[in-house]
Amino acid sequence: MEEAKISFESDVKAVDSLVEKYGALRKEIAKVIVGQDDVIQEVLISIFSRGHCLLIGVPGLAKTLLVNTISKTLGLGYSRIQFTPDLMPSDILGTEILDMADNSQTREFRFIKGPLFANIILADEINRCPPKTQAALLEAMEERAVTVAGKRYEMGNPFFVLATQNPIEQEGTYPLPEAQLDRFMFNVWLDYPTVQQELKVVKQTTGDYVAELNEILSAEEIIAYQKLIRKIPVPDNVTEYAVKLTTSTRPGRNDQDVDDYVKSYISWGAGPRASQYLILGAKCHAAINGKYSPDIEDVQAVAKPILRHRLIRNYKAEANGVSVEDIIENLLKR
């Protein structure tokens, strides 16, 4: 693993530097991507928090362009994998081939790395590939390494997976199990652009305009900022709020504090990983906004994309048209 070689005078100076770099990143990405401010923020928070994103939106909302643009501004290697029903684990991890040894007299097995060995991975339509291949990808996400023929191979550092799903067409898909969904830090919803934003997109993409993107951050700087996020102190009341917010989503608790609203509409709540991501996300959200420690508002700012894919509604919620967003809003208000 490559270690960070960037150092700062103090953690305060490091946070100030992160704010400056984040502003420059947003400005550079805006040369290509119109709107989608919340999406860009959540993707960048994921990167600085060493998390992964699941991006859900209909085709044509610039998901691929967004990832490509971010990879260029971050100076990272980018790989796009189009997931299909016939995609096998070796197609993304790589495979061993029998090749001539260095002495040119014997043959030996040599590992050829697959497209997964990059810094930023776009797993396009992850729910279209069979569970075996999904599991191979998600193992790499969690372990940041893969094992092929008994040998362990480390992934790039930093390593970030952005997986996409189409919410409309579900034929011929293999939905991700809840245990695998839980490995994604954020579940990000992309919406259609406004009329003004779409006008700008059309004018920008149907002419001869070509944006020149500059590299704002190097891999070493990203690793240094990832370590900085871990060092940011969190007040006890903020940690308690994050944990209580997570535990309040669990209808099966034995204590008497389970809310009737939760009992009525949720069959399964969020696990401990949600509490961890709420704190990490709050730390990063505070840092990019120039704060040296997160508060409860920072936890609330990242709560929806973190909890969205970790709550399972029951039949009553579906029958009454109560969405996961409604449930989270209700919990945040209380």
C-alpha atoms as a PDB file:
ATOM      1  CA  MET A   1       0.000   0.000   0.000  1.00  0.00           C
ATOM      2  CA  GLU A   2       1.204   3.464  -0.867  1.00  0.00           C
ATOM      3  CA  GLU A   3       1.581   5.708   2.172  1.00  0.00           C
ATOM      4  CA  ALA A   4       0.672   9.372   2.263  1.00  0.00           C
ATOM      5  CA  LYS A   5       3.707  11.610   1.865  1.00  0.00           C
ATOM      6  CA  ILE A   6       1.905  14.914   2.441  1.00  0.00           C
ATOM      7  CA  SER A   7       2.300  16.601   5.825  1.00  0.00           C
ATOM      8  CA  PHE A   8       0.756  19.754   7.317  1.00  0.00           C
ATOM      9  CA  GLU A   9       1.921  22.158  10.048  1.00  0.00           C
ATOM     10  CA  SER A  10      -1.145  21.295  12.131  1.00  0.00           C
ATOM     11  CA  ASP A  11      -4.542  19.669  11.809  1.00  0.00           C
ATOM     12  CA  VAL A  12      -6.145  23.122  11.705  1.00  0.00           C
ATOM     13  CA  LYS A  13      -3.989  24.054   8.717  1.00  0.00           C
ATOM     14  CA  ALA A  14      -4.877  20.716   7.129  1.00  0.00           C
ATOM     15  CA  VAL A  15      -8.613  21.389   7.437  1.00  0.00           C
ATOM     16  CA  ASP A  16      -8.129  24.874   5.961  1.00  0.00           C
ATOM     17  CA  SER A  17      -6.228  23.289   3.094  1.00  0.00           C
ATOM     18  CA  LEU A  18      -9.019  20.750   2.549  1.00  0.00           C
ATOM     19  CA  VAL A  19     -11.618  23.546   2.363  1.00  0.00           C
ATOM     20  CA  GLU A  20      -9.532  25.322  -0.278  1.00  0.00           C
ATOM     21  CA  LYS A  21      -8.975  22.161  -2.316  1.00  0.00           C
ATOM     22  CA  TYR A  22     -12.639  21.166  -2.060  1.00  0.00           C
ATOM     23  CA  GLY A  23     -13.714  24.571  -3.408  1.00  0.00           C
ATOM     24  CA  ALA A  24     -11.260  24.237  -6.294  1.00  0.00           C
ATOM     25  CA  LEU A  25     -12.565  20.720  -7.018  1.00  0.00           C
ATOM     26  CA  ARG A  26     -16.176  21.884  -7.163  1.00  0.00           C
ATOM     27  CA  LYS A  27     -15.197  24.736  -9.464  1.00  0.00           C
ATOM     28  CA  GLU A  28     -13.287  22.401 -11.792  1.00  0.00           C
ATOM     29  CA  ILE A  29     -16.044  19.764 -11.896  1.00  0.00           C
ATOM     30  CA  ALA A  30     -18.596  22.498 -12.708  1.00  0.00           C
ATOM     31  CA  LYS A  31     -16.802  23.048 -16.032  1.00  0.00           C
ATOM     32  CA  VAL A  32     -18.322  19.762 -17.209  1.00  0.00           C
ATOM     33  CA  ILE A  33     -21.143  18.802 -14.828  1.00  0.00           C
ATOM     34  CA  VAL A  34     -24.139  21.139 -14.654  1.00  0.00           C
ATOM     35  CA  GLY A  35     -26.042  21.075 -11.353  1.00  0.00           C
ATOM     36  CA  GLN A  36     -26.054  17.832  -9.299  1.00  0.00           C
ATOM     37  CA  ASP A  37     -24.483  19.749  -6.389  1.00  0.00           C
ATOM     38  CA  ASP A  38     -25.643  17.344  -3.683  1.00  0.00           C
ATOM     39  CA  VAL A  39     -24.535  14.319  -5.720  1.00  0.00           C
ATOM     40  CA  ILE A  40     -21.042  15.745  -6.252  1.00  0.00           C
ATOM     41  CA  GLN A  41     -20.732  16.621  -2.571  1.00  0.00           C
ATOM     42  CA  GLU A  42     -21.760  13.128  -1.459  1.00  0.00           C
ATOM     43  CA  VAL A  43     -19.386  11.434  -3.898  1.00  0.00           C
ATOM     44  CA  LEU A  44     -16.475  13.582  -2.710  1.00  0.00           C
ATOM     45  CA  ILE A  45     -17.367  12.968   0.953  1.00  0.00           C
ATOM     46  CA  SER A  46     -17.283   9.237   0.197  1.00  0.00           C
ATOM     47  CA  ILE A  47     -13.824   9.525  -1.329  1.00  0.00           C
ATOM     48  CA  PHE A  48     -12.405  11.491   1.605  1.00  0.00           C
ATOM     49  CA  SER A  49     -14.071   9.059   4.038  1.00  0.00           C
ATOM     50  CA  ARG A  50     -12.738   5.931   2.250  1.00  0.00           C
ATOM     51  CA  GLY A  51     -16.275   4.804   1.452  1.00  0.00           C
ATOM     52  CA  HIS A  52     -18.138   3.663  -1.649  1.00  0.00           C
ATOM     53  CA  CYS A  53     -21.257   5.001  -3.386  1.00  0.00           C
ATOM     54  CA  LEU A  54     -24.313   3.370  -4.912  1.00  0.00           C
ATOM     55  CA  LEU A  55     -25.721   5.788  -7.478  1.00  0.00           C
ATOM     56  CA  ILE A  56     -29.328   5.301  -8.548  1.00  0.00           C
ATOM     57  CA  GLY A  57     -30.823   7.175 -11.489  1.00  0.00           C
ATOM     58  CA  VAL A  58     -32.380   6.742 -14.899  1.00  0.00           C
ATOM     59  CA  PRO A  59     -30.098   6.609 -17.984  1.00  0.00           C
ATOM     60  CA  GLY A  60     -28.745   9.859 -19.363  1.00  0.00           C
ATOM     61  CA  LEU A  61     -28.110  11.745 -16.120  1.00  0.00           C
ATOM     62  CA  ALA A  62     -24.311  11.910 -16.647  1.00  0.00           C
ATOM     63  CA  LYS A  63     -23.336   9.260 -14.108  1.00  0.00           C
ATOM     64  CA  THR A  64     -20.429   8.024 -16.237  1.00  0.00           C
ATOM     65  CA  LEU A  65     -19.371  11.573 -17.124  1.00  0.00           C
ATOM     66  CA  LEU A  66     -19.432  12.526 -13.449  1.00  0.00           C
ATOM     67  CA  VAL A  67     -17.094   9.705 -12.443  1.00  0.00           C
ATOM     68  CA  ASN A  68     -14.771  10.348 -15.386  1.00  0.00           C
ATOM     69  CA  THR A  69     -14.623  14.064 -14.556  1.00  0.00           C
ATOM     70  CA  ILE A  70     -13.908  13.467 -10.868  1.00  0.00           C
ATOM     71  CA  SER A  71     -11.156  10.971 -11.692  1.00  0.00           C
ATOM     72  CA  LYS A  72      -9.437  13.545 -13.941  1.00  0.00           C
ATOM     73  CA  THR A  73      -9.611  16.345 -11.355  1.00  0.00           C
ATOM     74  CA  LEU A  74      -8.267  13.968  -8.701  1.00  0.00           C
ATOM     75  CA  GLY A  75      -5.475  12.603 -10.884  1.00  0.00           C
ATOM     76  CA  LEU A  76      -6.590   9.025 -10.309  1.00  0.00           C
ATOM     77  CA  GLY A  77      -6.770   5.971 -12.546  1.00  0.00           C
ATOM     78  CA  TYR A  78     -10.313   5.325 -13.764  1.00  0.00           C
ATOM     79  CA  SER A  79     -11.907   2.111 -14.958  1.00  0.00           C
ATOM     80  CA  ARG A  80     -15.439   1.528 -16.193  1.00  0.00           C
ATOM     81  CA  ILE A  81     -16.921  -1.982 -16.012  1.00  0.00           C
ATOM     82  CA  GLN A  82     -20.203  -2.595 -17.820  1.00  0.00           C
ATOM     83  CA  PHE A  83     -21.967  -5.307 -15.847  1.00  0.00           C
ATOM     84  CA  THR A  84     -23.867  -7.923 -17.877  1.00  0.00           C
ATOM     85  CA  PRO A  85     -25.478 -11.289 -17.016  1.00  0.00           C
ATOM     86  CA  ASP A  86     -22.544 -13.220 -18.521  1.00  0.00           C
ATOM     87  CA  LEU A  87     -19.813 -11.301 -16.630  1.00  0.00           C
ATOM     88  CA  MET A  88     -17.630 -13.666 -14.603  1.00  0.00           C
ATOM     89  CA  PRO A  89     -15.412 -12.819 -11.574  1.00  0.00           C
ATOM     90  CA  SER A  90     -12.243 -13.358 -13.621  1.00  0.00           C
ATOM     91  CA  ASP A  91     -13.477 -10.701 -16.080  1.00  0.00           C
ATOM     92  CA  ILE A  92     -13.114  -8.022 -13.414  1.00  0.00           C
ATOM     93  CA  LEU A  93     -10.457  -9.444 -11.084  1.00  0.00           C
ATOM     94  CA  GLY A  94      -8.051 -10.789 -13.691  1.00  0.00           C
ATOM     95  CA  THR A  95      -6.738 -14.248 -14.429  1.00  0.00           C
ATOM     96  CA  GLU A  96      -3.584 -16.335 -14.465  1.00  0.00           C
ATOM     97  CA  ILE A  97      -1.990 -17.287 -17.767  1.00  0.00           C
ATOM     98  CA  LEU A  98       0.814 -19.705 -18.549  1.00  0.00           C
ATOM     99  CA  ASP A  99       3.701 -17.627 -19.817  1.00  0.00           C
ATOM    100  CA  MET A 100       7.424 -17.975 -20.491  1.00  0.00           C
ATOM    101  CA  ALA A 101       9.567 -17.363 -17.407  1.00  0.00           C
ATOM    102  CA  ASP A 102      12.312 -14.761 -17.288  1.00  0.00           C
ATOM    103  CA  ASN A 103      14.966 -17.396 -17.997  1.00  0.00           C
ATOM    104  CA  SER A 104      13.191 -18.158 -21.311  1.00  0.00           C
ATOM    105  CA  GLN A 105      13.524 -21.891 -20.622  1.00  0.00           C
ATOM    106  CA  THR A 106      10.546 -22.737 -18.422  1.00  0.00           C
ATOM    107  CA  ARG A 107       6.951 -21.703 -18.217  1.00  0.00           C
ATOM    108  CA  GLU A 108       5.193 -20.211 -15.194  1.00  0.00           C
ATOM    109  CA  PHE A 109       1.830 -18.810 -14.291  1.00  0.00           C
ATOM    110  CA  ARG A 110       1.561 -15.031 -14.432  1.00  0.00           C
ATOM    111  CA  PHE A 111      -1.345 -12.979 -13.077  1.00  0.00           C
ATOM    112  CA  ILE A 112      -2.903 -10.479 -15.491  1.00  0.00           C
ATOM    113  CA  LYS A 113      -4.745  -7.814 -13.519  1.00  0.00           C
ATOM    114  CA  GLY A 114      -8.335  -7.051 -14.488  1.00  0.00           C
ATOM    115  CA  PRO A 115     -10.082  -3.657 -14.736  1.00  0.00           C
ATOM    116  CA  LEU A 116     -10.794  -3.676 -10.992  1.00  0.00           C
ATOM    117  CA  PHE A 117      -7.182  -2.650 -10.342  1.00  0.00           C
ATOM    118  CA  ALA A 118      -7.714   1.096 -10.618  1.00  0.00           C
ATOM    119  CA  ASN A 119      -8.340   3.951  -8.180  1.00  0.00           C
ATOM    120  CA  ILE A 120     -11.898   4.810  -9.215  1.00  0.00           C
ATOM    121  CA  ILE A 121     -14.190   2.055 -10.480  1.00  0.00           C
ATOM    122  CA  LEU A 122     -17.500   2.704 -12.198  1.00  0.00           C
ATOM    123  CA  ALA A 123     -19.530  -0.487 -11.782  1.00  0.00           C
ATOM    124  CA  ASP A 124     -22.207   0.294 -14.343  1.00  0.00           C
ATOM    125  CA  GLU A 125     -25.559  -1.402 -13.611  1.00  0.00           C
ATOM    126  CA  ILE A 126     -24.163  -3.629 -10.870  1.00  0.00           C
ATOM    127  CA  ASN A 127     -27.490  -5.432 -10.481  1.00  0.00           C
ATOM    128  CA  ARG A 128     -27.225  -6.903 -13.999  1.00  0.00           C
ATOM    129  CA  CYS A 129     -24.384  -9.287 -13.215  1.00  0.00           C
ATOM    130  CA  PRO A 130     -24.830 -12.628 -11.399  1.00  0.00           C
ATOM    131  CA  PRO A 131     -24.367 -12.832  -7.591  1.00  0.00           C
ATOM    132  CA  LYS A 132     -20.966 -14.558  -7.921  1.00  0.00           C
ATOM    133  CA  THR A 133     -19.495 -11.543  -9.727  1.00  0.00           C
ATOM    134  CA  GLN A 134     -21.256  -9.091  -7.386  1.00  0.00           C
ATOM    135  CA  ALA A 135     -19.684 -10.923  -4.444  1.00  0.00           C
ATOM    136  CA  ALA A 136     -16.213 -10.698  -6.027  1.00  0.00           C
ATOM    137  CA  LEU A 137     -16.575  -6.932  -6.422  1.00  0.00           C
ATOM    138  CA  LEU A 138     -17.965  -6.409  -2.941  1.00  0.00           C
ATOM    139  CA  GLU A 139     -15.183  -8.510  -1.418  1.00  0.00           C
ATOM    140  CA  ALA A 140     -12.630  -6.238  -3.085  1.00  0.00           C
ATOM    141  CA  MET A 141     -14.522  -3.187  -1.763  1.00  0.00           C
ATOM    142  CA  GLU A 142     -14.380  -4.468   1.808  1.00  0.00           C
ATOM    143  CA  GLU A 143     -10.917  -6.032   1.879  1.00  0.00           C
ATOM    144  CA  ARG A 144      -9.289  -3.690  -0.666  1.00  0.00           C
ATOM    145  CA  ALA A 145      -7.548  -6.787  -1.963  1.00  0.00           C
ATOM    146  CA  VAL A 146      -8.392  -9.932  -3.931  1.00  0.00           C
ATOM    147  CA  THR A 147      -7.152 -13.513  -3.716  1.00  0.00           C
ATOM    148  CA  VAL A 148      -6.543 -15.369  -6.981  1.00  0.00           C
ATOM    149  CA  ALA A 149      -5.081 -18.892  -7.031  1.00  0.00           C
ATOM    150  CA  GLY A 150      -4.101 -18.583  -3.387  1.00  0.00           C
ATOM    151  CA  LYS A 151      -2.203 -15.300  -3.800  1.00  0.00           C
ATOM    152  CA  ARG A 152      -3.337 -11.985  -2.356  1.00  0.00           C
ATOM    153  CA  TYR A 153      -3.195  -8.875  -4.560  1.00  0.00           C
ATOM    154  CA  GLU A 154      -3.669  -5.403  -3.073  1.00  0.00           C
ATOM    155  CA  MET A 155      -5.926  -2.894  -4.817  1.00  0.00           C
ATOM    156  CA  GLY A 156      -4.850   0.627  -5.685  1.00  0.00           C
ATOM    157  CA  ASN A 157      -4.777   3.288  -2.982  1.00  0.00           C
ATOM    158  CA  PRO A 158      -7.020   5.219  -2.857  1.00  0.00           C
ATOM    159  CA  PHE A 159      -9.694   2.767  -4.022  1.00  0.00           C
ATOM    160  CA  PHE A 160     -13.265   3.903  -4.580  1.00  0.00           C
ATOM    161  CA  VAL A 161     -16.232   2.114  -6.192  1.00  0.00           C
ATOM    162  CA  LEU A 162     -19.182   3.968  -7.674  1.00  0.00           C
ATOM    163  CA  ALA A 163     -21.875   1.466  -8.600  1.00  0.00           C
ATOM    164  CA  THR A 164     -24.949   2.469 -10.594  1.00  0.00           C
ATOM    165  CA  GLN A 165     -28.447   1.057 -10.824  1.00  0.00           C
ATOM    166  CA  ASN A 166     -31.409   1.845 -13.055  1.00  0.00           C
ATOM    167  CA  PRO A 167     -34.525   2.167 -10.842  1.00  0.00           C
ATOM    168  CA  ILE A 168     -36.972   1.630 -13.712  1.00  0.00           C
ATOM    169  CA  GLU A 169     -36.076  -1.557 -15.551  1.00  0.00           C
ATOM    170  CA  GLN A 170     -35.812  -4.603 -13.291  1.00  0.00           C
ATOM    171  CA  GLU A 171     -36.110  -7.442 -15.823  1.00  0.00           C
ATOM    172  CA  GLY A 172     -33.053  -9.679 -15.981  1.00  0.00           C
ATOM    173  CA  THR A 173     -31.476  -8.178 -12.879  1.00  0.00           C
ATOM    174  CA  TYR A 174     -30.003  -9.652  -9.688  1.00  0.00           C
ATOM    175  CA  PRO A 175     -30.896  -7.253  -6.850  1.00  0.00           C
ATOM    176  CA  LEU A 176     -28.138  -6.766  -4.291  1.00  0.00           C
ATOM    177  CA  PRO A 177     -28.880  -8.447  -0.932  1.00  0.00           C
ATOM    178  CA  GLU A 178     -29.186  -6.152   2.076  1.00  0.00           C
ATOM    179  CA  ALA A 179     -25.897  -7.441   3.526  1.00  0.00           C
ATOM    180  CA  GLN A 180     -24.095  -6.330   0.359  1.00  0.00           C
ATOM    181  CA  LEU A 181     -25.956  -3.020   0.126  1.00  0.00           C
ATOM    182  CA  ASP A 182     -24.751  -2.280   3.657  1.00  0.00           C
ATOM    183  CA  ARG A 183     -21.165  -2.104   2.398  1.00  0.00           C
ATOM    184  CA  PHE A 184     -21.920   1.096   0.466  1.00  0.00           C
ATOM    185  CA  MET A 185     -21.467   4.255   2.500  1.00  0.00           C
ATOM    186  CA  PHE A 186     -23.937   6.320   0.478  1.00  0.00           C
ATOM    187  CA  ASN A 187     -27.029   5.572  -1.580  1.00  0.00           C
ATOM    188  CA  VAL A 188     -27.271   8.612  -3.855  1.00  0.00           C
ATOM    189  CA  TRP A 189     -30.378   9.428  -5.864  1.00  0.00           C
ATOM    190  CA  LEU A 190     -29.939  11.374  -9.108  1.00  0.00           C
ATOM    191  CA  ASP A 191     -32.895  13.451 -10.221  1.00  0.00           C
ATOM    192  CA  TYR A 192     -33.672  15.137 -13.524  1.00  0.00           C
ATOM    193  CA  PRO A 193     -32.094  18.575 -14.018  1.00  0.00           C
ATOM    194  CA  THR A 194     -34.168  21.742 -13.906  1.00  0.00           C
ATOM    195  CA  VAL A 195     -35.216  23.387 -17.169  1.00  0.00           C
ATOM    196  CA  GLN A 196     -32.456  25.989 -16.871  1.00  0.00           C
ATOM    197  CA  GLN A 197     -29.847  23.333 -16.109  1.00  0.00           C
ATOM    198  CA  GLU A 198     -30.968  21.209 -19.047  1.00  0.00           C
ATOM    199  CA  LEU A 199     -30.789  24.232 -21.360  1.00  0.00           C
ATOM    200  CA  LYS A 200     -27.194  24.790 -20.266  1.00  0.00           C
ATOM    201  CA  VAL A 201     -26.387  21.072 -20.745  1.00  0.00           C
ATOM    202  CA  VAL A 202     -27.790  21.072 -24.284  1.00  0.00           C
ATOM    203  CA  LYS A 203     -25.938  24.249 -25.277  1.00  0.00           C
ATOM    204  CA  GLN A 204     -22.701  22.973 -23.755  1.00  0.00           C
ATOM    205  CA  THR A 205     -22.813  19.495 -25.296  1.00  0.00           C
ATOM    206  CA  THR A 206     -24.085  20.224 -28.798  1.00  0.00           C
ATOM    207  CA  GLY A 207     -21.450  22.777 -29.736  1.00  0.00           C
ATOM    208  CA  ASP A 208     -17.674  22.712 -30.024  1.00  0.00           C
ATOM    209  CA  TYR A 209     -17.052  23.483 -26.351  1.00  0.00           C
ATOM    210  CA  VAL A 210     -14.389  21.243 -24.813  1.00  0.00           C
ATOM    211  CA  ALA A 211     -13.544  21.743 -21.158  1.00  0.00           C
ATOM    212  CA  GLU A 212      -9.906  21.518 -20.119  1.00  0.00           C
ATOM    213  CA  LEU A 213      -9.783  19.907 -16.698  1.00  0.00           C
ATOM    214  CA  ASN A 214      -6.902  20.521 -14.313  1.00  0.00           C
ATOM    215  CA  GLU A 215      -5.657  18.057 -11.725  1.00  0.00           C
ATOM    216  CA  ILE A 216      -6.522  19.512  -8.307  1.00  0.00           C
ATOM    217  CA  LEU A 217      -5.496  16.697  -5.981  1.00  0.00           C
ATOM    218  CA  SER A 218      -2.946  13.911  -6.217  1.00  0.00           C
ATOM    219  CA  ALA A 219      -3.369  10.399  -4.827  1.00  0.00           C
ATOM    220  CA  GLU A 220      -0.945  11.219  -1.987  1.00  0.00           C
ATOM    221  CA  GLU A 221      -2.976  14.294  -0.984  1.00  0.00           C
ATOM    222  CA  ILE A 222      -6.222  12.306  -1.002  1.00  0.00           C
ATOM    223  CA  ILE A 223      -4.680   9.676   1.306  1.00  0.00           C
ATOM    224  CA  ALA A 224      -3.456  12.461   3.622  1.00  0.00           C
ATOM    225  CA  TYR A 225      -6.946  13.997   3.762  1.00  0.00           C
ATOM    226  CA  GLN A 226      -8.480  10.569   4.414  1.00  0.00           C
ATOM    227  CA  LYS A 227      -6.189  10.221   7.436  1.00  0.00           C
ATOM    228  CA  LEU A 228      -7.072  13.757   8.523  1.00  0.00           C
ATOM    229  CA  ILE A 229     -10.804  12.953   8.552  1.00  0.00           C
ATOM    230  CA  ARG A 230     -10.124  10.045  10.924  1.00  0.00           C
ATOM    231  CA  LYS A 231      -8.257  12.382  13.321  1.00  0.00           C
ATOM    232  CA  ILE A 232     -11.017  14.999  13.617  1.00  0.00           C
ATOM    233  CA  PRO A 233     -12.408  14.953  17.199  1.00  0.00           C
ATOM    234  CA  VAL A 234     -16.133  14.340  17.730  1.00  0.00           C
ATOM    235  CA  PRO A 235     -18.044  15.588  20.816  1.00  0.00           C
ATOM    236  CA  ASP A 236     -19.720  12.847  22.843  1.00  0.00           C
ATOM    237  CA  ASN A 237     -23.192  14.319  22.294  1.00  0.00           C
ATOM    238  CA  VAL A 238     -22.738  14.070  18.513  1.00  0.00           C
ATOM    239  CA  THR A 239     -21.649  10.436  18.729  1.00  0.00           C
ATOM    240  CA  GLU A 240     -24.599   9.682  21.012  1.00  0.00           C
ATOM    241  CA  TYR A 241     -26.981  11.373  18.580  1.00  0.00           C
ATOM    242  CA  ALA A 242     -25.663   9.324  15.637  1.00  0.00           C
ATOM    243  CA  VAL A 243     -25.964   6.049  17.544  1.00  0.00           C
ATOM    244  CA  LYS A 244     -29.447   6.894  18.844  1.00  0.00           C
ATOM    245  CA  LEU A 245     -30.552   7.859  15.336  1.00  0.00           C
ATOM    246  CA  THR A 246     -29.397   4.476  14.046  1.00  0.00           C
ATOM    247  CA  THR A 247     -30.883   2.454  16.898  1.00  0.00           C
ATOM    248  CA  SER A 248     -34.189   4.330  16.583  1.00  0.00           C
ATOM    249  CA  THR A 249     -34.678   2.652  13.195  1.00  0.00           C
ATOM    250  CA  ARG A 250     -34.783  -0.850  14.740  1.00  0.00           C
ATOM    251  CA  PRO A 251     -38.325  -2.006  15.536  1.00  0.00           C
ATOM    252  CA  GLY A 252     -37.196  -5.249  17.177  1.00  0.00           C
ATOM    253  CA  ARG A 253     -35.395  -3.717  20.173  1.00  0.00           C
ATOM    254  CA  ASN A 254     -36.306  -5.014  23.614  1.00  0.00           C
ATOM    255  CA  ASP A 255     -36.415  -1.621  25.332  1.00  0.00           C
ATOM    256  CA  GLN A 256     -39.520   0.504  25.711  1.00  0.00           C
ATOM    257  CA  ASP A 257     -38.278   3.441  23.622  1.00  0.00           C
ATOM    258  CA  VAL A 258     -39.215   1.981  20.244  1.00  0.00           C
ATOM    259  CA  ASP A 259     -41.358   4.539  18.449  1.00  0.00           C
ATOM    260  CA  ASP A 260     -44.814   3.488  17.231  1.00  0.00           C
ATOM    261  CA  TYR A 261     -44.052   5.066  13.857  1.00  0.00           C
ATOM    262  CA  VAL A 262     -41.004   2.805  13.468  1.00  0.00           C
ATOM    263  CA  LYS A 263     -42.965  -0.253  14.579  1.00  0.00           C
ATOM    264  CA  SER A 264     -45.683   0.554  12.055  1.00  0.00           C
ATOM    265  CA  TYR A 265     -43.567   1.020   8.951  1.00  0.00           C
ATOM    266  CA  ILE A 266     -40.125  -0.639   9.334  1.00  0.00           C
ATOM    267  CA  SER A 267     -39.479  -4.362   9.367  1.00  0.00           C
ATOM    268  CA  TRP A 268     -35.663  -4.106   9.695  1.00  0.00           C
ATOM    269  CA  GLY A 269     -33.528  -1.150  10.717  1.00  0.00           C
ATOM    270  CA  ALA A 270     -29.942  -0.013  10.162  1.00  0.00           C
ATOM    271  CA  GLY A 271     -26.955  -1.880  11.623  1.00  0.00           C
ATOM    272  CA  PRO A 272     -23.863  -0.581  13.464  1.00  0.00           C
ATOM    273  CA  ARG A 273     -22.091   0.230  10.192  1.00  0.00           C
ATOM    274  CA  ALA A 274     -24.627   3.054   9.730  1.00  0.00           C
ATOM    275  CA  SER A 275     -23.482   4.658  13.006  1.00  0.00           C
ATOM    276  CA  GLN A 276     -19.860   4.459  11.882  1.00  0.00           C
ATOM    277  CA  TYR A 277     -20.637   6.054   8.522  1.00  0.00           C
ATOM    278  CA  LEU A 278     -22.781   8.767  10.143  1.00  0.00           C
ATOM    279  CA  ILE A 279     -19.782   9.867  12.211  1.00  0.00           C
ATOM    280  CA  LEU A 280     -17.283   9.615   9.338  1.00  0.00           C
ATOM    281  CA  GLY A 281     -19.650  11.460   6.994  1.00  0.00           C
ATOM    282  CA  ALA A 282     -20.324  14.140   9.611  1.00  0.00           C
ATOM    283  CA  LYS A 283     -16.585  14.634  10.162  1.00  0.00           C
ATOM    284  CA  CYS A 284     -15.986  15.126   6.439  1.00  0.00           C
ATOM    285  CA  HIS A 285     -19.071  17.320   5.984  1.00  0.00           C
ATOM    286  CA  ALA A 286     -17.843  19.550   8.807  1.00  0.00           C
ATOM    287  CA  ALA A 287     -14.289  19.696   7.430  1.00  0.00           C
ATOM    288  CA  ILE A 288     -15.256  20.709   3.883  1.00  0.00           C
ATOM    289  CA  ASN A 289     -17.400  23.467   5.399  1.00  0.00           C
ATOM    290  CA  GLY A 290     -14.517  24.851   7.427  1.00  0.00           C
ATOM    291  CA  LYS A 291     -15.454  23.417  10.824  1.00  0.00           C
ATOM    292  CA  TYR A 292     -12.854  21.673  12.976  1.00  0.00           C
ATOM    293  CA  SER A 293     -15.352  19.384  14.698  1.00  0.00           C
ATOM    294  CA  PRO A 294     -18.776  18.104  13.595  1.00  0.00           C
ATOM    295  CA  ASP A 295     -22.085  18.925  15.273  1.00  0.00           C
ATOM    296  CA  ILE A 296     -25.522  17.343  15.110  1.00  0.00           C
ATOM    297  CA  GLU A 297     -26.393  19.310  11.949  1.00  0.00           C
ATOM    298  CA  ASP A 298     -23.509  17.592  10.142  1.00  0.00           C
ATOM    299  CA  VAL A 299     -24.887  14.178  11.121  1.00  0.00           C
ATOM    300  CA  GLN A 300     -28.321  15.194   9.835  1.00  0.00           C
ATOM    301  CA  ALA A 301     -26.794  16.445   6.571  1.00  0.00           C
ATOM    302  CA  VAL A 302     -25.490  12.976   5.683  1.00  0.00           C
ATOM    303  CA  ALA A 303     -28.255  10.904   7.312  1.00  0.00           C
ATOM    304  CA  LYS A 304     -30.484  10.379   4.274  1.00  0.00           C
ATOM    305  CA  PRO A 305     -27.964   8.880   1.830  1.00  0.00           C
ATOM    306  CA  ILE A 306     -26.502   6.730   4.629  1.00  0.00           C
ATOM    307  CA  LEU A 307     -29.794   5.364   5.999  1.00  0.00           C
ATOM    308  CA  ARG A 308     -31.744   5.217   2.725  1.00  0.00           C
ATOM    309  CA  HIS A 309     -30.600   1.721   1.717  1.00  0.00           C
ATOM    310  CA  ARG A 310     -30.427   0.326   5.237  1.00  0.00           C
ATOM    311  CA  LEU A 311     -34.115   0.564   6.170  1.00  0.00           C
ATOM    312  CA  ILE A 312     -36.535  -2.113   4.980  1.00  0.00           C
ATOM    313  CA  ARG A 313     -40.166  -1.007   4.858  1.00  0.00           C
ATOM    314  CA  ASN A 314     -42.951  -3.432   5.701  1.00  0.00           C
ATOM    315  CA  TYR A 315     -46.102  -4.103   3.711  1.00  0.00           C
ATOM    316  CA  LYS A 316     -48.048  -1.425   5.630  1.00  0.00           C
ATOM    317  CA  ALA A 317     -45.601   1.303   4.576  1.00  0.00           C
ATOM    318  CA  GLU A 318     -45.827   0.217   0.934  1.00  0.00           C
ATOM    319  CA  ALA A 319     -49.625   0.046   1.070  1.00  0.00           C
ATOM    320  CA  ASN A 320     -49.874   3.527   2.622  1.00  0.00           C
ATOM    321  CA  GLY A 321     -47.303   5.032   0.256  1.00  0.00           C
ATOM    322  CA  VAL A 322     -44.840   5.842   3.054  1.00  0.00           C
ATOM    323  CA  SER A 323     -41.376   6.077   1.502  1.00  0.00           C
ATOM    324  CA  VAL A 324     -38.009   5.529   3.165  1.00  0.00           C
ATOM    325  CA  GLU A 325     -37.418   9.279   2.753  1.00  0.00           C
ATOM    326  CA  ASP A 326     -40.594   9.997   4.759  1.00  0.00           C
ATOM    327  CA  ILE A 327     -39.466   7.660   7.525  1.00  0.00           C
ATOM    328  CA  ILE A 328     -36.003   9.259   7.764  1.00  0.00           C
ATOM    329  CA  GLU A 329     -37.525  12.763   7.750  1.00  0.00           C
ATOM    330  CA  ASN A 330     -39.794  11.744  10.600  1.00  0.00           C
ATOM    331  CA  LEU A 331     -36.877  10.388  12.630  1.00  0.00           C
ATOM    332  CA  LEU A 332     -34.761  13.501  12.028  1.00  0.00           C
ATOM    333  CA  LYS A 333     -37.558  15.830  13.128  1.00  0.00           C
ATOM    334  CA  ARG A 334     -37.806  13.998  16.431  1.00  0.00           C
END
